[in-house]
């Protein structure tokens, strides 16, 4: 029987809202912060 648990994914913290998201995510699903922009750390 397959386990119902999710596999361990690498997580990072959103620099805007602090939510834990997948390391390879392009944006935060909670607040919509863009991680692909060159200006992502220029608040």
PDB file of N, CA and C in Angstrom:
ATOM      1  N   UNK A   1       0.837  -1.184   0.000  1.00  0.00           N
ATOM      2  CA  UNK A   1       0.000   0.000   0.000  1.00  0.00           C
ATOM      3  C   UNK A   1       0.884   1.251   0.000  1.00  0.00           C
ATOM      4  N   UNK A   2       0.571   2.202  -0.833  1.00  0.00           N
ATOM      5  CA  UNK A   2       1.372   3.421  -0.946  1.00  0.00           C
ATOM      6  C   UNK A   2       1.162   4.329   0.260  1.00  0.00           C
ATOM      7  N   UNK A   3       2.224   4.991   0.623  1.00  0.00           N
ATOM      8  CA  UNK A   3       2.164   5.928   1.745  1.00  0.00           C
ATOM      9  C   UNK A   3       1.407   7.186   1.332  1.00  0.00           C
ATOM     10  N   UNK A   4       0.622   7.727   2.240  1.00  0.00           N
ATOM     11  CA  UNK A   4      -0.150   8.936   1.961  1.00  0.00           C
ATOM     12  C   UNK A   4       0.679  10.195   2.184  1.00  0.00           C
ATOM     13  N   UNK A   5       1.878  10.040   2.756  1.00  0.00           N
ATOM     14  CA  UNK A   5       2.716  11.203   3.034  1.00  0.00           C
ATOM     15  C   UNK A   5       3.324  11.749   1.748  1.00  0.00           C
ATOM     16  N   UNK A   6       3.525  13.050   1.719  1.00  0.00           N
ATOM     17  CA  UNK A   6       4.180  13.676   0.578  1.00  0.00           C
ATOM     18  C   UNK A   6       5.675  13.406   0.665  1.00  0.00           C
ATOM     19  N   UNK A   7       6.347  13.270  -0.470  1.00  0.00           N
ATOM     20  CA  UNK A   7       7.808  13.092  -0.432  1.00  0.00           C
ATOM     21  C   UNK A   7       8.476  14.348   0.112  1.00  0.00           C
ATOM     22  N   UNK A   8       9.651  14.175   0.686  1.00  0.00           N
ATOM     23  CA  UNK A   8      10.377  15.332   1.220  1.00  0.00           C
ATOM     24  C   UNK A   8      10.854  16.206   0.070  1.00  0.00           C
ATOM     25  N   UNK A   9      10.329  17.408   0.008  1.00  0.00           N
ATOM     26  CA  UNK A   9      10.722  18.363  -1.016  1.00  0.00           C
ATOM     27  C   UNK A   9      11.593  19.430  -0.383  1.00  0.00           C
ATOM     28  N   UNK A  10      12.551  19.915  -1.150  1.00  0.00           N
ATOM     29  CA  UNK A  10      13.384  21.006  -0.649  1.00  0.00           C
ATOM     30  C   UNK A  10      12.508  22.248  -0.540  1.00  0.00           C
ATOM     31  N   UNK A  11      12.516  22.871   0.618  1.00  0.00           N
ATOM     32  CA  UNK A  11      11.687  24.044   0.846  1.00  0.00           C
ATOM     33  C   UNK A  11      12.541  25.274   1.093  1.00  0.00           C
ATOM     34  N   UNK A  12      11.991  26.423   0.759  1.00  0.00           N
ATOM     35  CA  UNK A  12      12.618  27.702   1.084  1.00  0.00           C
ATOM     36  C   UNK A  12      11.532  28.612   1.634  1.00  0.00           C
ATOM     37  N   UNK A  13      11.946  29.699   2.246  1.00  0.00           N
ATOM     38  CA  UNK A  13      10.995  30.640   2.821  1.00  0.00           C
ATOM     39  C   UNK A  13      10.806  31.819   1.875  1.00  0.00           C
ATOM     40  N   UNK A  14       9.562  32.194   1.659  1.00  0.00           N
ATOM     41  CA  UNK A  14       9.268  33.359   0.832  1.00  0.00           C
ATOM     42  C   UNK A  14       9.820  34.603   1.508  1.00  0.00           C
ATOM     43  N   UNK A  15      10.518  35.452   0.745  1.00  0.00           N
ATOM     44  CA  UNK A  15      11.119  36.664   1.305  1.00  0.00           C
ATOM     45  C   UNK A  15      10.095  37.770   1.548  1.00  0.00           C
ATOM     46  N   UNK A  16       8.856  37.581   1.111  1.00  0.00           N
ATOM     47  CA  UNK A  16       7.807  38.577   1.333  1.00  0.00           C
ATOM     48  C   UNK A  16       6.892  38.167   2.486  1.00  0.00           C
ATOM     49  N   UNK A  17       6.276  36.982   2.385  1.00  0.00           N
ATOM     50  CA  UNK A  17       5.277  36.599   3.388  1.00  0.00           C
ATOM     51  C   UNK A  17       5.764  35.548   4.378  1.00  0.00           C
ATOM     52  N   UNK A  18       6.899  34.895   4.097  1.00  0.00           N
ATOM     53  CA  UNK A  18       7.457  33.922   5.027  1.00  0.00           C
ATOM     54  C   UNK A  18       6.917  32.510   4.884  1.00  0.00           C
ATOM     55  N   UNK A  19       6.064  32.254   3.904  1.00  0.00           N
ATOM     56  CA  UNK A  19       5.525  30.913   3.693  1.00  0.00           C
ATOM     57  C   UNK A  19       6.616  29.966   3.210  1.00  0.00           C
ATOM     58  N   UNK A  20       6.504  28.700   3.577  1.00  0.00           N
ATOM     59  CA  UNK A  20       7.434  27.692   3.073  1.00  0.00           C
ATOM     60  C   UNK A  20       6.927  27.205   1.726  1.00  0.00           C
ATOM     61  N   UNK A  21       7.791  27.292   0.716  1.00  0.00           N
ATOM     62  CA  UNK A  21       7.433  26.888  -0.632  1.00  0.00           C
ATOM     63  C   UNK A  21       8.530  26.005  -1.208  1.00  0.00           C
ATOM     64  N   UNK A  22       8.245  25.350  -2.332  1.00  0.00           N
ATOM     65  CA  UNK A  22       9.235  24.490  -2.973  1.00  0.00           C
ATOM     66  C   UNK A  22      10.441  25.308  -3.421  1.00  0.00           C
ATOM     67  N   UNK A  23      11.622  24.730  -3.276  1.00  0.00           N
ATOM     68  CA  UNK A  23      12.881  25.400  -3.631  1.00  0.00           C
ATOM     69  C   UNK A  23      12.893  25.849  -5.090  1.00  0.00           C
ATOM     70  N   UNK A  24      12.288  25.055  -5.987  1.00  0.00           N
ATOM     71  CA  UNK A  24      12.324  25.382  -7.412  1.00  0.00           C
ATOM     72  C   UNK A  24      11.112  26.191  -7.889  1.00  0.00           C
ATOM     73  N   UNK A  25      10.298  26.681  -6.973  1.00  0.00           N
ATOM     74  CA  UNK A  25       9.119  27.464  -7.344  1.00  0.00           C
ATOM     75  C   UNK A  25       9.524  28.792  -7.982  1.00  0.00           C
ATOM     76  N   UNK A  26       8.754  29.220  -8.980  1.00  0.00           N
ATOM     77  CA  UNK A  26       9.014  30.493  -9.651  1.00  0.00           C
ATOM     78  C   UNK A  26       8.318  31.652  -8.952  1.00  0.00           C
ATOM     79  N   UNK A  27       7.293  31.333  -8.158  1.00  0.00           N
ATOM     80  CA  UNK A  27       6.563  32.364  -7.431  1.00  0.00           C
ATOM     81  C   UNK A  27       5.948  31.761  -6.177  1.00  0.00           C
ATOM     82  N   UNK A  28       5.571  32.600  -5.238  1.00  0.00           N
ATOM     83  CA  UNK A  28       4.945  32.149  -4.001  1.00  0.00           C
ATOM     84  C   UNK A  28       3.445  31.992  -4.231  1.00  0.00           C
ATOM     85  N   UNK A  29       2.873  30.817  -3.974  1.00  0.00           N
ATOM     86  CA  UNK A  29       1.434  30.629  -4.166  1.00  0.00           C
ATOM     87  C   UNK A  29       0.593  31.401  -3.150  1.00  0.00           C
ATOM     88  N   UNK A  30       1.185  31.790  -2.040  1.00  0.00           N
ATOM     89  CA  UNK A  30       0.449  32.534  -1.010  1.00  0.00           C
ATOM     90  C   UNK A  30       0.309  34.011  -1.367  1.00  0.00           C
ATOM     91  N   UNK A  31       1.426  34.670  -1.682  1.00  0.00           N
ATOM     92  CA  UNK A  31       1.383  36.121  -1.906  1.00  0.00           C
ATOM     93  C   UNK A  31       1.688  36.518  -3.352  1.00  0.00           C
ATOM     94  N   UNK A  32       2.165  35.573  -4.172  1.00  0.00           N
ATOM     95  CA  UNK A  32       2.441  35.868  -5.573  1.00  0.00           C
ATOM     96  C   UNK A  32       3.809  36.468  -5.841  1.00  0.00           C
ATOM     97  N   UNK A  33       4.695  36.483  -4.837  1.00  0.00           N
ATOM     98  CA  UNK A  33       6.033  37.046  -5.020  1.00  0.00           C
ATOM     99  C   UNK A  33       6.774  36.284  -6.121  1.00  0.00           C
ATOM    100  N   UNK A  34       7.427  37.025  -7.007  1.00  0.00           N
ATOM    101  CA  UNK A  34       8.145  36.457  -8.149  1.00  0.00           C
ATOM    102  C   UNK A  34       9.586  36.157  -7.762  1.00  0.00           C
ATOM    103  N   UNK A  35      10.038  34.918  -7.968  1.00  0.00           N
ATOM    104  CA  UNK A  35      11.415  34.540  -7.655  1.00  0.00           C
ATOM    105  C   UNK A  35      12.290  34.487  -8.896  1.00  0.00           C
ATOM    106  N   UNK A  36      11.734  34.764 -10.069  1.00  0.00           N
ATOM    107  CA  UNK A  36      12.514  34.714 -11.303  1.00  0.00           C
ATOM    108  C   UNK A  36      13.014  36.091 -11.710  1.00  0.00           C
ATOM    109  N   UNK A  37      12.491  37.129 -11.107  1.00  0.00           N
ATOM    110  CA  UNK A  37      12.865  38.498 -11.451  1.00  0.00           C
ATOM    111  C   UNK A  37      14.277  38.819 -10.983  1.00  0.00           C
ATOM    112  N   UNK A  38      14.985  39.642 -11.731  1.00  0.00           N
ATOM    113  CA  UNK A  38      16.315  40.105 -11.333  1.00  0.00           C
ATOM    114  C   UNK A  38      16.240  41.040 -10.136  1.00  0.00           C
ATOM    115  N   UNK A  39      15.066  41.579  -9.879  1.00  0.00           N
ATOM    116  CA  UNK A  39      14.885  42.557  -8.812  1.00  0.00           C
ATOM    117  C   UNK A  39      14.208  41.953  -7.591  1.00  0.00           C
ATOM    118  N   UNK A  40      14.234  40.637  -7.444  1.00  0.00           N
ATOM    119  CA  UNK A  40      13.479  39.987  -6.375  1.00  0.00           C
ATOM    120  C   UNK A  40      13.941  40.373  -4.975  1.00  0.00           C
ATOM    121  N   UNK A  41      15.173  40.836  -4.816  1.00  0.00           N
ATOM    122  CA  UNK A  41      15.634  41.211  -3.485  1.00  0.00           C
ATOM    123  C   UNK A  41      15.687  42.723  -3.298  1.00  0.00           C
ATOM    124  N   UNK A  42      15.276  43.479  -4.304  1.00  0.00           N
ATOM    125  CA  UNK A  42      15.229  44.938  -4.186  1.00  0.00           C
ATOM    126  C   UNK A  42      13.817  45.345  -3.798  1.00  0.00           C
ATOM    127  N   UNK A  43      13.566  45.438  -2.524  1.00  0.00           N
ATOM    128  CA  UNK A  43      12.212  45.714  -2.032  1.00  0.00           C
ATOM    129  C   UNK A  43      11.835  47.143  -2.321  1.00  0.00           C
TER     130      UNK A  43
END
